[in-house]
Amino acid sequence: MKRLIALLTLFLLPALAADISGTWKGTAEGPNGSMERTFVFKVDGTTLTGEAISPMFGKSAIENGKVDGDKVSFQLKVKFQDNEMTINYSGEAKGNEMTLTAKGAGDMVMEWKCKKQ
């Protein structure tokens, strides 16, 4: 019986996880007002890849991406005024909505609210 429960858990848990693959539109409030970014996620098992596109930074490849159920984490390297910086994202998807926390250089922290397109 324990084996049956373990097998069912193994197969049902991935089915209950949010479907993160696809295009997501995100908004965040920055020091100069509202910002937008589009995330295009591709999931292969627990690996997250894809890209992010924003008017300010252009296209950035998603690096070191991971998916664990509804939780995601990844990095973006962006160039701003000839300086490259890494932004670390982590968050959680619930249905067609996702909240991401972005942490960059110094004490920069932004909260992104995203909707699946």
C-alpha atoms as a PDB file:
ATOM      1  CA  MET A   1       0.000   0.000   0.000  1.00  0.00           C
ATOM      2  CA  LYS A   2       2.836   2.394   0.823  1.00  0.00           C
ATOM      3  CA  ARG A   3       4.356   1.711  -2.580  1.00  0.00           C
ATOM      4  CA  LEU A   4       1.071   2.516  -4.301  1.00  0.00           C
ATOM      5  CA  ILE A   5       0.802   5.827  -2.432  1.00  0.00           C
ATOM      6  CA  ALA A   6       4.427   6.651  -3.270  1.00  0.00           C
ATOM      7  CA  LEU A   7       3.850   5.905  -6.970  1.00  0.00           C
ATOM      8  CA  LEU A   8       0.655   7.944  -7.079  1.00  0.00           C
ATOM      9  CA  THR A   9       2.435  10.849  -5.384  1.00  0.00           C
ATOM     10  CA  LEU A  10       5.286  10.618  -7.873  1.00  0.00           C
ATOM     11  CA  PHE A  11       2.908  10.865 -10.832  1.00  0.00           C
ATOM     12  CA  LEU A  12       0.292  13.244  -9.422  1.00  0.00           C
ATOM     13  CA  LEU A  13       2.516  15.966  -7.952  1.00  0.00           C
ATOM     14  CA  PRO A  14       3.896  17.107 -11.318  1.00  0.00           C
ATOM     15  CA  ALA A  15       0.346  17.228 -12.666  1.00  0.00           C
ATOM     16  CA  LEU A  16      -0.658  19.581  -9.830  1.00  0.00           C
ATOM     17  CA  ALA A  17       2.220  21.998 -10.472  1.00  0.00           C
ATOM     18  CA  ALA A  18       1.502  25.183 -12.386  1.00  0.00           C
ATOM     19  CA  ASP A  19       2.185  25.128 -16.127  1.00  0.00           C
ATOM     20  CA  ILE A  20       4.958  27.724 -16.261  1.00  0.00           C
ATOM     21  CA  SER A  21       5.934  27.199 -19.933  1.00  0.00           C
ATOM     22  CA  GLY A  22       4.854  30.004 -22.226  1.00  0.00           C
ATOM     23  CA  THR A  23       4.709  33.780 -22.364  1.00  0.00           C
ATOM     24  CA  TRP A  24       4.118  35.889 -19.259  1.00  0.00           C
ATOM     25  CA  LYS A  25       3.688  39.690 -19.096  1.00  0.00           C
ATOM     26  CA  GLY A  26       5.045  41.280 -15.948  1.00  0.00           C
ATOM     27  CA  THR A  27       4.814  44.716 -14.345  1.00  0.00           C
ATOM     28  CA  ALA A  28       6.735  46.213 -11.441  1.00  0.00           C
ATOM     29  CA  GLU A  29       6.885  49.604  -9.781  1.00  0.00           C
ATOM     30  CA  GLY A  30      10.344  51.143 -10.008  1.00  0.00           C
ATOM     31  CA  PRO A  31      11.787  54.426  -8.783  1.00  0.00           C
ATOM     32  CA  ASN A  32      10.729  56.098 -12.057  1.00  0.00           C
ATOM     33  CA  GLY A  33       7.284  54.516 -12.323  1.00  0.00           C
ATOM     34  CA  SER A  34       5.811  51.334 -13.754  1.00  0.00           C
ATOM     35  CA  MET A  35       8.019  48.959 -15.763  1.00  0.00           C
ATOM     36  CA  GLU A  36       7.090  46.084 -18.065  1.00  0.00           C
ATOM     37  CA  ARG A  37       8.894  42.897 -18.989  1.00  0.00           C
ATOM     38  CA  THR A  38       7.880  39.854 -21.031  1.00  0.00           C
ATOM     39  CA  PHE A  39       9.140  36.451 -19.910  1.00  0.00           C
ATOM     40  CA  VAL A  40       9.142  33.505 -22.323  1.00  0.00           C
ATOM     41  CA  PHE A  41       9.663  30.339 -20.255  1.00  0.00           C
ATOM     42  CA  LYS A  42      10.545  26.853 -21.473  1.00  0.00           C
ATOM     43  CA  VAL A  43      10.476  24.000 -18.970  1.00  0.00           C
ATOM     44  CA  ASP A  44      12.231  20.659 -19.391  1.00  0.00           C
ATOM     45  CA  GLY A  45      11.788  18.626 -16.215  1.00  0.00           C
ATOM     46  CA  THR A  46      13.145  20.881 -13.479  1.00  0.00           C
ATOM     47  CA  THR A  47      15.195  23.060 -15.843  1.00  0.00           C
ATOM     48  CA  LEU A  48      13.889  26.506 -16.776  1.00  0.00           C
ATOM     49  CA  THR A  49      15.215  28.322 -19.864  1.00  0.00           C
ATOM     50  CA  GLY A  50      13.958  31.049 -22.166  1.00  0.00           C
ATOM     51  CA  GLU A  51      14.332  34.793 -22.358  1.00  0.00           C
ATOM     52  CA  ALA A  52      13.110  38.071 -20.945  1.00  0.00           C
ATOM     53  CA  ILE A  53      12.391  41.148 -23.047  1.00  0.00           C
ATOM     54  CA  SER A  54      12.079  44.689 -21.743  1.00  0.00           C
ATOM     55  CA  PRO A  55      12.063  48.152 -23.325  1.00  0.00           C
ATOM     56  CA  MET A  56      14.904  49.234 -21.024  1.00  0.00           C
ATOM     57  CA  PHE A  57      17.258  46.218 -21.283  1.00  0.00           C
ATOM     58  CA  GLY A  58      16.231  44.486 -24.522  1.00  0.00           C
ATOM     59  CA  LYS A  59      16.493  40.666 -24.629  1.00  0.00           C
ATOM     60  CA  SER A  60      18.225  38.676 -21.902  1.00  0.00           C
ATOM     61  CA  ALA A  61      18.652  34.894 -21.769  1.00  0.00           C
ATOM     62  CA  ILE A  62      17.358  33.100 -18.687  1.00  0.00           C
ATOM     63  CA  GLU A  63      20.278  31.412 -16.919  1.00  0.00           C
ATOM     64  CA  ASN A  64      20.498  28.909 -14.059  1.00  0.00           C
ATOM     65  CA  GLY A  65      16.724  28.413 -14.175  1.00  0.00           C
ATOM     66  CA  LYS A  66      15.011  25.881 -11.929  1.00  0.00           C
ATOM     67  CA  VAL A  67      11.430  24.767 -11.420  1.00  0.00           C
ATOM     68  CA  ASP A  68      10.255  22.997  -8.277  1.00  0.00           C
ATOM     69  CA  GLY A  69       6.488  22.503  -8.404  1.00  0.00           C
ATOM     70  CA  ASP A  70       5.054  26.036  -8.494  1.00  0.00           C
ATOM     71  CA  LYS A  71       8.340  27.676  -7.459  1.00  0.00           C
ATOM     72  CA  VAL A  72      10.786  29.137  -9.977  1.00  0.00           C
ATOM     73  CA  SER A  73      14.220  30.707  -9.783  1.00  0.00           C
ATOM     74  CA  PHE A  74      16.547  32.059 -12.460  1.00  0.00           C
ATOM     75  CA  GLN A  75      19.052  34.765 -13.300  1.00  0.00           C
ATOM     76  CA  LEU A  76      19.179  37.447 -15.963  1.00  0.00           C
ATOM     77  CA  LYS A  77      22.309  39.320 -17.005  1.00  0.00           C
ATOM     78  CA  VAL A  78      21.404  42.801 -18.182  1.00  0.00           C
ATOM     79  CA  LYS A  79      23.481  45.661 -19.480  1.00  0.00           C
ATOM     80  CA  PHE A  80      22.703  49.167 -18.247  1.00  0.00           C
ATOM     81  CA  GLN A  81      24.825  52.173 -19.226  1.00  0.00           C
ATOM     82  CA  ASP A  82      27.750  49.926 -20.252  1.00  0.00           C
ATOM     83  CA  ASN A  83      27.577  48.049 -16.938  1.00  0.00           C
ATOM     84  CA  GLU A  84      26.542  44.396 -16.819  1.00  0.00           C
ATOM     85  CA  MET A  85      24.673  43.191 -13.768  1.00  0.00           C
ATOM     86  CA  THR A  86      23.062  39.950 -12.681  1.00  0.00           C
ATOM     87  CA  ILE A  87      19.497  40.001 -11.392  1.00  0.00           C
ATOM     88  CA  ASN A  88      18.303  37.005  -9.355  1.00  0.00           C
ATOM     89  CA  TYR A  89      14.615  36.132  -9.647  1.00  0.00           C
ATOM     90  CA  SER A  90      12.590  33.795  -7.455  1.00  0.00           C
ATOM     91  CA  GLY A  91       8.881  33.341  -7.146  1.00  0.00           C
ATOM     92  CA  GLU A  92       5.787  31.237  -7.314  1.00  0.00           C
ATOM     93  CA  ALA A  93       3.112  30.607  -9.932  1.00  0.00           C
ATOM     94  CA  LYS A  94      -0.529  30.090  -9.034  1.00  0.00           C
ATOM     95  CA  GLY A  95      -2.659  29.267 -12.028  1.00  0.00           C
ATOM     96  CA  ASN A  96      -2.206  32.026 -14.613  1.00  0.00           C
ATOM     97  CA  GLU A  97      -0.530  34.432 -12.183  1.00  0.00           C
ATOM     98  CA  MET A  98       3.035  34.554 -10.942  1.00  0.00           C
ATOM     99  CA  THR A  99       4.805  36.753  -8.407  1.00  0.00           C
ATOM    100  CA  LEU A 100       8.562  37.193  -8.826  1.00  0.00           C
ATOM    101  CA  THR A 101      11.019  38.925  -6.526  1.00  0.00           C
ATOM    102  CA  ALA A 102      14.029  40.372  -8.346  1.00  0.00           C
ATOM    103  CA  LYS A 103      17.221  41.126  -6.422  1.00  0.00           C
ATOM    104  CA  GLY A 104      20.072  43.008  -8.035  1.00  0.00           C
ATOM    105  CA  ALA A 105      23.172  44.919  -7.065  1.00  0.00           C
ATOM    106  CA  GLY A 106      23.211  46.567  -3.665  1.00  0.00           C
ATOM    107  CA  ASP A 107      19.813  46.628  -2.027  1.00  0.00           C
ATOM    108  CA  MET A 108      17.742  46.649  -5.227  1.00  0.00           C
ATOM    109  CA  VAL A 109      14.605  44.521  -4.764  1.00  0.00           C
ATOM    110  CA  MET A 110      11.549  44.614  -7.029  1.00  0.00           C
ATOM    111  CA  GLU A 111       8.296  42.712  -6.966  1.00  0.00           C
ATOM    112  CA  TRP A 112       6.976  41.606 -10.373  1.00  0.00           C
ATOM    113  CA  LYS A 113       3.325  40.656 -10.917  1.00  0.00           C
ATOM    114  CA  CYS A 114       2.961  38.495 -14.012  1.00  0.00           C
ATOM    115  CA  LYS A 115       0.037  37.077 -15.975  1.00  0.00           C
ATOM    116  CA  LYS A 116       0.237  34.222 -18.446  1.00  0.00           C
ATOM    117  CA  GLN A 117      -0.669  35.224 -21.980  1.00  0.00           C
END
